[in-house]
C-alpha atoms as a PDB file:
ATOM      1  CA  MET A   1      24.120 -11.355  62.912  1.00  0.00           C
ATOM      2  CA  VAL A   2      25.873 -11.698  59.609  1.00  0.00           C
ATOM      3  CA  GLU A   3      25.412 -15.078  58.080  1.00  0.00           C
ATOM      4  CA  THR A   4      28.480 -16.450  56.425  1.00  0.00           C
ATOM      5  CA  SER A   5      28.215 -19.037  53.730  1.00  0.00           C
ATOM      6  CA  GLN A   6      30.502 -21.956  53.717  1.00  0.00           C
ATOM      7  CA  GLN A   7      32.994 -22.030  50.969  1.00  0.00           C
ATOM      8  CA  THR A   8      34.328 -24.940  49.055  1.00  0.00           C
ATOM      9  CA  THR A   9      37.163 -25.488  46.680  1.00  0.00           C
ATOM     10  CA  VAL A  10      37.123 -26.834  43.180  1.00  0.00           C
ATOM     11  CA  THR A  11      40.084 -28.490  41.596  1.00  0.00           C
ATOM     12  CA  ILE A  12      40.742 -27.685  37.964  1.00  0.00           C
ATOM     13  CA  ASP A  13      43.697 -28.292  35.730  1.00  0.00           C
ATOM     14  CA  THR A  14      46.155 -25.477  35.075  1.00  0.00           C
ATOM     15  CA  ASN A  15      44.968 -24.854  31.510  1.00  0.00           C
ATOM     16  CA  THR A  16      41.392 -24.435  32.714  1.00  0.00           C
ATOM     17  CA  GLY A  17      42.651 -22.265  35.597  1.00  0.00           C
ATOM     18  CA  ALA A  18      44.529 -20.046  33.136  1.00  0.00           C
ATOM     19  CA  ARG A  19      41.403 -19.736  30.916  1.00  0.00           C
ATOM     20  CA  LEU A  20      39.293 -18.908  33.983  1.00  0.00           C
ATOM     21  CA  GLU A  21      41.770 -16.277  35.119  1.00  0.00           C
ATOM     22  CA  ARG A  22      41.951 -14.750  31.596  1.00  0.00           C
ATOM     23  CA  LEU A  23      38.143 -14.590  31.211  1.00  0.00           C
ATOM     24  CA  ALA A  24      37.627 -13.188  34.717  1.00  0.00           C
ATOM     25  CA  LYS A  25      40.245 -10.511  34.100  1.00  0.00           C
ATOM     26  CA  ALA A  26      38.763  -9.647  30.673  1.00  0.00           C
ATOM     27  CA  ASN A  27      35.353  -9.148  32.321  1.00  0.00           C
ATOM     28  CA  GLY A  28      36.740  -7.232  35.284  1.00  0.00           C
ATOM     29  CA  VAL A  29      35.641  -9.669  37.989  1.00  0.00           C
ATOM     30  CA  SER A  30      37.302 -12.141  40.291  1.00  0.00           C
ATOM     31  CA  LYS A  31      37.484 -15.830  39.393  1.00  0.00           C
ATOM     32  CA  LYS A  32      34.942 -16.562  42.135  1.00  0.00           C
ATOM     33  CA  GLU A  33      32.523 -13.913  40.770  1.00  0.00           C
ATOM     34  CA  PHE A  34      33.066 -15.133  37.215  1.00  0.00           C
ATOM     35  CA  ILE A  35      32.120 -18.694  38.171  1.00  0.00           C
ATOM     36  CA  SER A  36      29.063 -17.442  40.082  1.00  0.00           C
ATOM     37  CA  LEU A  37      27.989 -15.221  37.185  1.00  0.00           C
ATOM     38  CA  SER A  38      28.539 -18.071  34.714  1.00  0.00           C
ATOM     39  CA  LEU A  39      26.336 -20.383  36.756  1.00  0.00           C
ATOM     40  CA  ASP A  40      23.641 -17.682  36.946  1.00  0.00           C
ATOM     41  CA  TYR A  41      23.874 -17.262  33.159  1.00  0.00           C
ATOM     42  CA  PHE A  42      23.516 -20.992  32.467  1.00  0.00           C
ATOM     43  CA  GLU A  43      20.526 -21.231  34.796  1.00  0.00           C
ATOM     44  CA  LYS A  44      18.864 -18.083  33.495  1.00  0.00           C
ATOM     45  CA  TYR A  45      19.072 -19.054  29.822  1.00  0.00           C
ATOM     46  CA  GLY A  46      18.666 -22.801  30.283  1.00  0.00           C
ATOM     47  CA  ILE A  47      21.945 -23.596  28.602  1.00  0.00           C
ATOM     48  CA  ASN A  48      23.537 -26.937  29.269  1.00  0.00           C
ATOM     49  CA  PRO A  49      27.320 -26.520  28.813  1.00  0.00           C
ATOM     50  CA  ALA A  50      27.771 -30.308  28.681  1.00  0.00           C
ATOM     51  CA  LYS A  51      25.844 -30.368  25.388  1.00  0.00           C
ATOM     52  CA  HIS A  52      28.070 -27.620  24.058  1.00  0.00           C
ATOM     53  CA  GLU A  53      25.081 -25.390  23.388  1.00  0.00           C
ATOM     54  CA  SER A  54      26.032 -21.963  22.287  1.00  0.00           C
ATOM     55  CA  PRO A  55      24.077 -18.766  21.966  1.00  0.00           C
ATOM     56  CA  ALA A  56      25.111 -18.747  18.294  1.00  0.00           C
ATOM     57  CA  GLN A  57      23.337 -22.088  17.762  1.00  0.00           C
ATOM     58  CA  GLU A  58      20.265 -20.806  19.551  1.00  0.00           C
ATOM     59  CA  MET A  59      20.400 -17.660  17.440  1.00  0.00           C
ATOM     60  CA  GLN A  60      20.536 -19.819  14.305  1.00  0.00           C
ATOM     61  CA  LYS A  61      17.424 -21.661  15.490  1.00  0.00           C
ATOM     62  CA  LEU A  62      15.697 -18.318  16.052  1.00  0.00           C
ATOM     63  CA  ILE A  63      16.844 -17.030  12.666  1.00  0.00           C
ATOM     64  CA  ARG A  64      15.470 -20.167  10.969  1.00  0.00           C
ATOM     65  CA  ARG A  65      12.179 -19.702  12.804  1.00  0.00           C
ATOM     66  CA  ILE A  66      12.025 -16.020  11.817  1.00  0.00           C
ATOM     67  CA  ASP A  67      12.802 -17.013   8.214  1.00  0.00           C
ATOM     68  CA  GLN A  68       9.851 -19.438   8.350  1.00  0.00           C
ATOM     69  CA  VAL A  69       7.573 -16.677   9.642  1.00  0.00           C
ATOM     70  CA  VAL A  70       8.788 -14.267   6.933  1.00  0.00           C
ATOM     71  CA  ALA A  71       8.275 -16.948   4.260  1.00  0.00           C
ATOM     72  CA  PHE A  72       4.751 -17.520   5.587  1.00  0.00           C
ATOM     73  CA  GLN A  73       4.060 -13.781   5.460  1.00  0.00           C
ATOM     74  CA  LYS A  74       5.337 -13.586   1.878  1.00  0.00           C
ATOM     75  CA  VAL A  75       3.052 -16.449   0.839  1.00  0.00           C
ATOM     76  CA  GLN A  76       0.119 -14.742   2.554  1.00  0.00           C
ATOM     77  CA  GLU A  77       0.965 -11.492   0.809  1.00  0.00           C
ATOM     78  CA  ARG A  78       1.320 -13.166  -2.587  1.00  0.00           C
ATOM     79  CA  ASP A  79      -1.725 -15.455  -2.322  1.00  0.00           C
ATOM     80  CA  PHE A  80      -4.171 -13.339  -0.353  1.00  0.00           C
ATOM     81  CA  ILE A  81      -3.222  -9.754   0.435  1.00  0.00           C
ATOM     82  CA  ARG A  82      -2.086  -8.631  -3.034  1.00  0.00           C
ATOM     83  CA  PRO A  83      -5.054 -10.212  -4.869  1.00  0.00           C
ATOM     84  CA  ALA A  84      -7.436  -8.742  -2.299  1.00  0.00           C
ATOM     85  CA  MET A  85      -5.811  -5.336  -2.630  1.00  0.00           C
ATOM     86  CA  GLN A  86      -6.000  -5.521  -6.438  1.00  0.00           C
ATOM     87  CA  SER A  87      -9.650  -6.480  -6.193  1.00  0.00           C
ATOM     88  CA  VAL A  88     -10.343  -3.557  -3.874  1.00  0.00           C
ATOM     89  CA  MET A  89      -8.525  -1.191  -6.226  1.00  0.00           C
ATOM     90  CA  LYS A  90     -10.477  -2.477  -9.269  1.00  0.00           C
ATOM     91  CA  THR A  91     -13.719  -2.120  -7.345  1.00  0.00           C
ATOM     92  CA  GLU A  92     -12.760   1.413  -6.370  1.00  0.00           C
ATOM     93  CA  GLU A  93     -12.011   2.229 -10.017  1.00  0.00           C
ATOM     94  CA  ARG A  94     -15.397   0.824 -11.101  1.00  0.00           C
ATOM     95  CA  ILE A  95     -17.171   2.764  -8.374  1.00  0.00           C
ATOM     96  CA  ASN A  96     -15.407   5.983  -9.416  1.00  0.00           C
ATOM     97  CA  TYR A  97     -16.261   5.330 -13.075  1.00  0.00           C
ATOM     98  CA  GLU A  98     -19.925   4.670 -12.260  1.00  0.00           C
ATOM     99  CA  MET A  99     -20.084   7.694  -9.959  1.00  0.00           C
ATOM    100  CA  ASN A 100     -18.730   9.867 -12.797  1.00  0.00           C
ATOM    101  CA  ARG A 101     -21.297   8.381 -15.190  1.00  0.00           C
ATOM    102  CA  LEU A 102     -24.078   9.013 -12.678  1.00  0.00           C
ATOM    103  CA  SER A 103     -22.872  12.563 -12.169  1.00  0.00           C
ATOM    104  CA  GLN A 104     -22.830  13.164 -15.921  1.00  0.00           C
ATOM    105  CA  SER A 105     -26.287  11.619 -16.266  1.00  0.00           C
ATOM    106  CA  TYR A 106     -27.560  13.812 -13.471  1.00  0.00           C
ATOM    107  CA  ASP A 107     -26.083  16.881 -15.163  1.00  0.00           C
ATOM    108  CA  ASN A 108     -27.655  15.887 -18.489  1.00  0.00           C
ATOM    109  CA  ILE A 109     -31.050  15.269 -16.884  1.00  0.00           C
ATOM    110  CA  HIS A 110     -30.793  18.575 -15.043  1.00  0.00           C
ATOM    111  CA  LYS A 111     -29.988  20.394 -18.298  1.00  0.00           C
ATOM    112  CA  MET A 112     -32.879  18.674 -20.084  1.00  0.00           C
ATOM    113  CA  LEU A 113     -35.326  19.502 -17.284  1.00  0.00           C
ATOM    114  CA  SER A 114     -34.138  23.109 -17.244  1.00  0.00           C
ATOM    115  CA  ALA A 115     -34.587  23.310 -21.012  1.00  0.00           C
ATOM    116  CA  MET A 116     -38.071  21.756 -20.722  1.00  0.00           C
ATOM    117  CA  LEU A 117     -39.037  24.213 -17.999  1.00  0.00           C
ATOM    118  CA  ASP A 118     -37.769  27.124 -20.096  1.00  0.00           C
ATOM    119  CA  LEU A 119     -39.648  25.798 -23.137  1.00  0.00           C
ATOM    120  CA  ASP A 120     -42.782  25.295 -21.037  1.00  0.00           C
ATOM    121  CA  GLU A 121     -42.520  28.838 -19.691  1.00  0.00           C
ATOM    122  CA  ARG A 122     -41.991  30.265 -23.179  1.00  0.00           C
ATOM    123  CA  THR A 123     -44.902  28.207 -24.517  1.00  0.00           C
ATOM    124  CA  GLU A 124     -47.116  29.378 -21.678  1.00  0.00           C
ATOM    125  CA  ASN A 125     -46.173  33.023 -22.322  1.00  0.00           C
ATOM    126  CA  GLU A 126     -46.749  32.579 -26.053  1.00  0.00           C
ATOM    127  CA  GLN A 127     -50.108  30.932 -25.350  1.00  0.00           C
ATOM    128  CA  LYS A 128     -51.125  33.813 -23.051  1.00  0.00           C
ATOM    129  CA  ARG A 129     -50.087  36.324 -25.688  1.00  0.00           C
ATOM    130  CA  ALA A 130     -51.950  34.349 -28.385  1.00  0.00           C
ATOM    131  CA  ASN A 131     -55.037  34.174 -26.149  1.00  0.00           C
ATOM    132  CA  GLU A 132     -54.852  37.932 -25.575  1.00  0.00           C
ATOM    133  CA  GLU A 133     -54.559  38.554 -29.308  1.00  0.00           C
ATOM    134  CA  LEU A 134     -57.458  36.163 -29.965  1.00  0.00           C
ATOM    135  CA  LYS A 135     -59.534  37.938 -27.312  1.00  0.00           C
ATOM    136  CA  LYS A 136     -58.782  41.332 -28.908  1.00  0.00           C
ATOM    137  CA  ALA A 137     -59.631  39.955 -32.350  1.00  0.00           C
ATOM    138  CA  LEU A 138     -62.906  38.476 -31.108  1.00  0.00           C
ATOM    139  CA  MET A 139     -63.765  41.728 -29.347  1.00  0.00           C
ATOM    140  CA  LEU A 140     -63.042  43.676 -32.490  1.00  0.00           C
ATOM    141  CA  LEU A 141     -65.074  41.241 -34.593  1.00  0.00           C
ATOM    142  CA  ALA A 142     -67.957  41.306 -32.134  1.00  0.00           C
ATOM    143  CA  LYS A 143     -67.804  45.089 -32.060  1.00  0.00           C
ATOM    144  CA  TYR A 144     -68.115  45.319 -35.833  1.00  0.00           C
ATOM    145  CA  MET A 145     -70.864  42.701 -35.947  1.00  0.00           C
ATOM    146  CA  ASP A 146     -72.959  44.267 -33.230  1.00  0.00           C
ATOM    147  CA  GLU A 147     -71.925  47.892 -33.254  1.00  0.00           C
ATOM    148  CA  LYS A 148     -74.005  49.100 -30.368  1.00  0.00           C
ATOM    149  CA  ASN A 149     -74.162  45.792 -28.536  1.00  0.00           C
ATOM    150  CA  LYS A 150     -77.855  45.548 -29.281  1.00  0.00           C
ATOM    151  CA  SER A 151     -77.951  41.811 -29.386  1.00  0.00           C
ATOM    152  CA  GLY A 152     -75.601  41.416 -26.380  1.00  0.00           C
ATOM    153  CA  LEU A 153     -73.012  39.542 -28.419  1.00  0.00           C
ATOM    154  CA  MET A 154     -70.109  40.889 -26.328  1.00  0.00           C
ATOM    155  CA  GLY A 155     -71.721  39.675 -23.135  1.00  0.00           C
ATOM    156  CA  LYS A 156     -72.417  36.301 -24.645  1.00  0.00           C
ATOM    157  CA  ILE A 157     -68.828  35.846 -25.865  1.00  0.00           C
ATOM    158  CA  PHE A 158     -66.947  37.217 -22.853  1.00  0.00           C
ATOM    159  CA  GLY A 159     -69.616  36.515 -20.357  1.00  0.00           C
END
């Protein structure tokens, strides 16, 4: 069973009727559909045509609100974000500078330790060589002093 809705008529003046007909034709719908769609639109967007609200006015309200948000963001950027970013960048520069200084200090210490180790090794080799020469000299001296090792001087010295 197809349910039919009751229809009613609305009386409007001829100027309003002509405007309704022009708008319906411009939108490619019948006058009945145009009225139905207009009512749906007013309900959907909460627009009260008696107050002469227009989407342009609502858009202006939204634009003002967006401008307030953008102004707030700019203040936040100016007062907090930029100074914080500058502080982070300065800290990063100081860290890089100190890291470079530490690296240079490490390199210098490494060079000094290497030089000390080389010097220590050379000194040790020179000391060994000097000890060997001293040993030879003492052996030679002991040999001349006790030619046939009668007194056991070599054994006493080198034990």
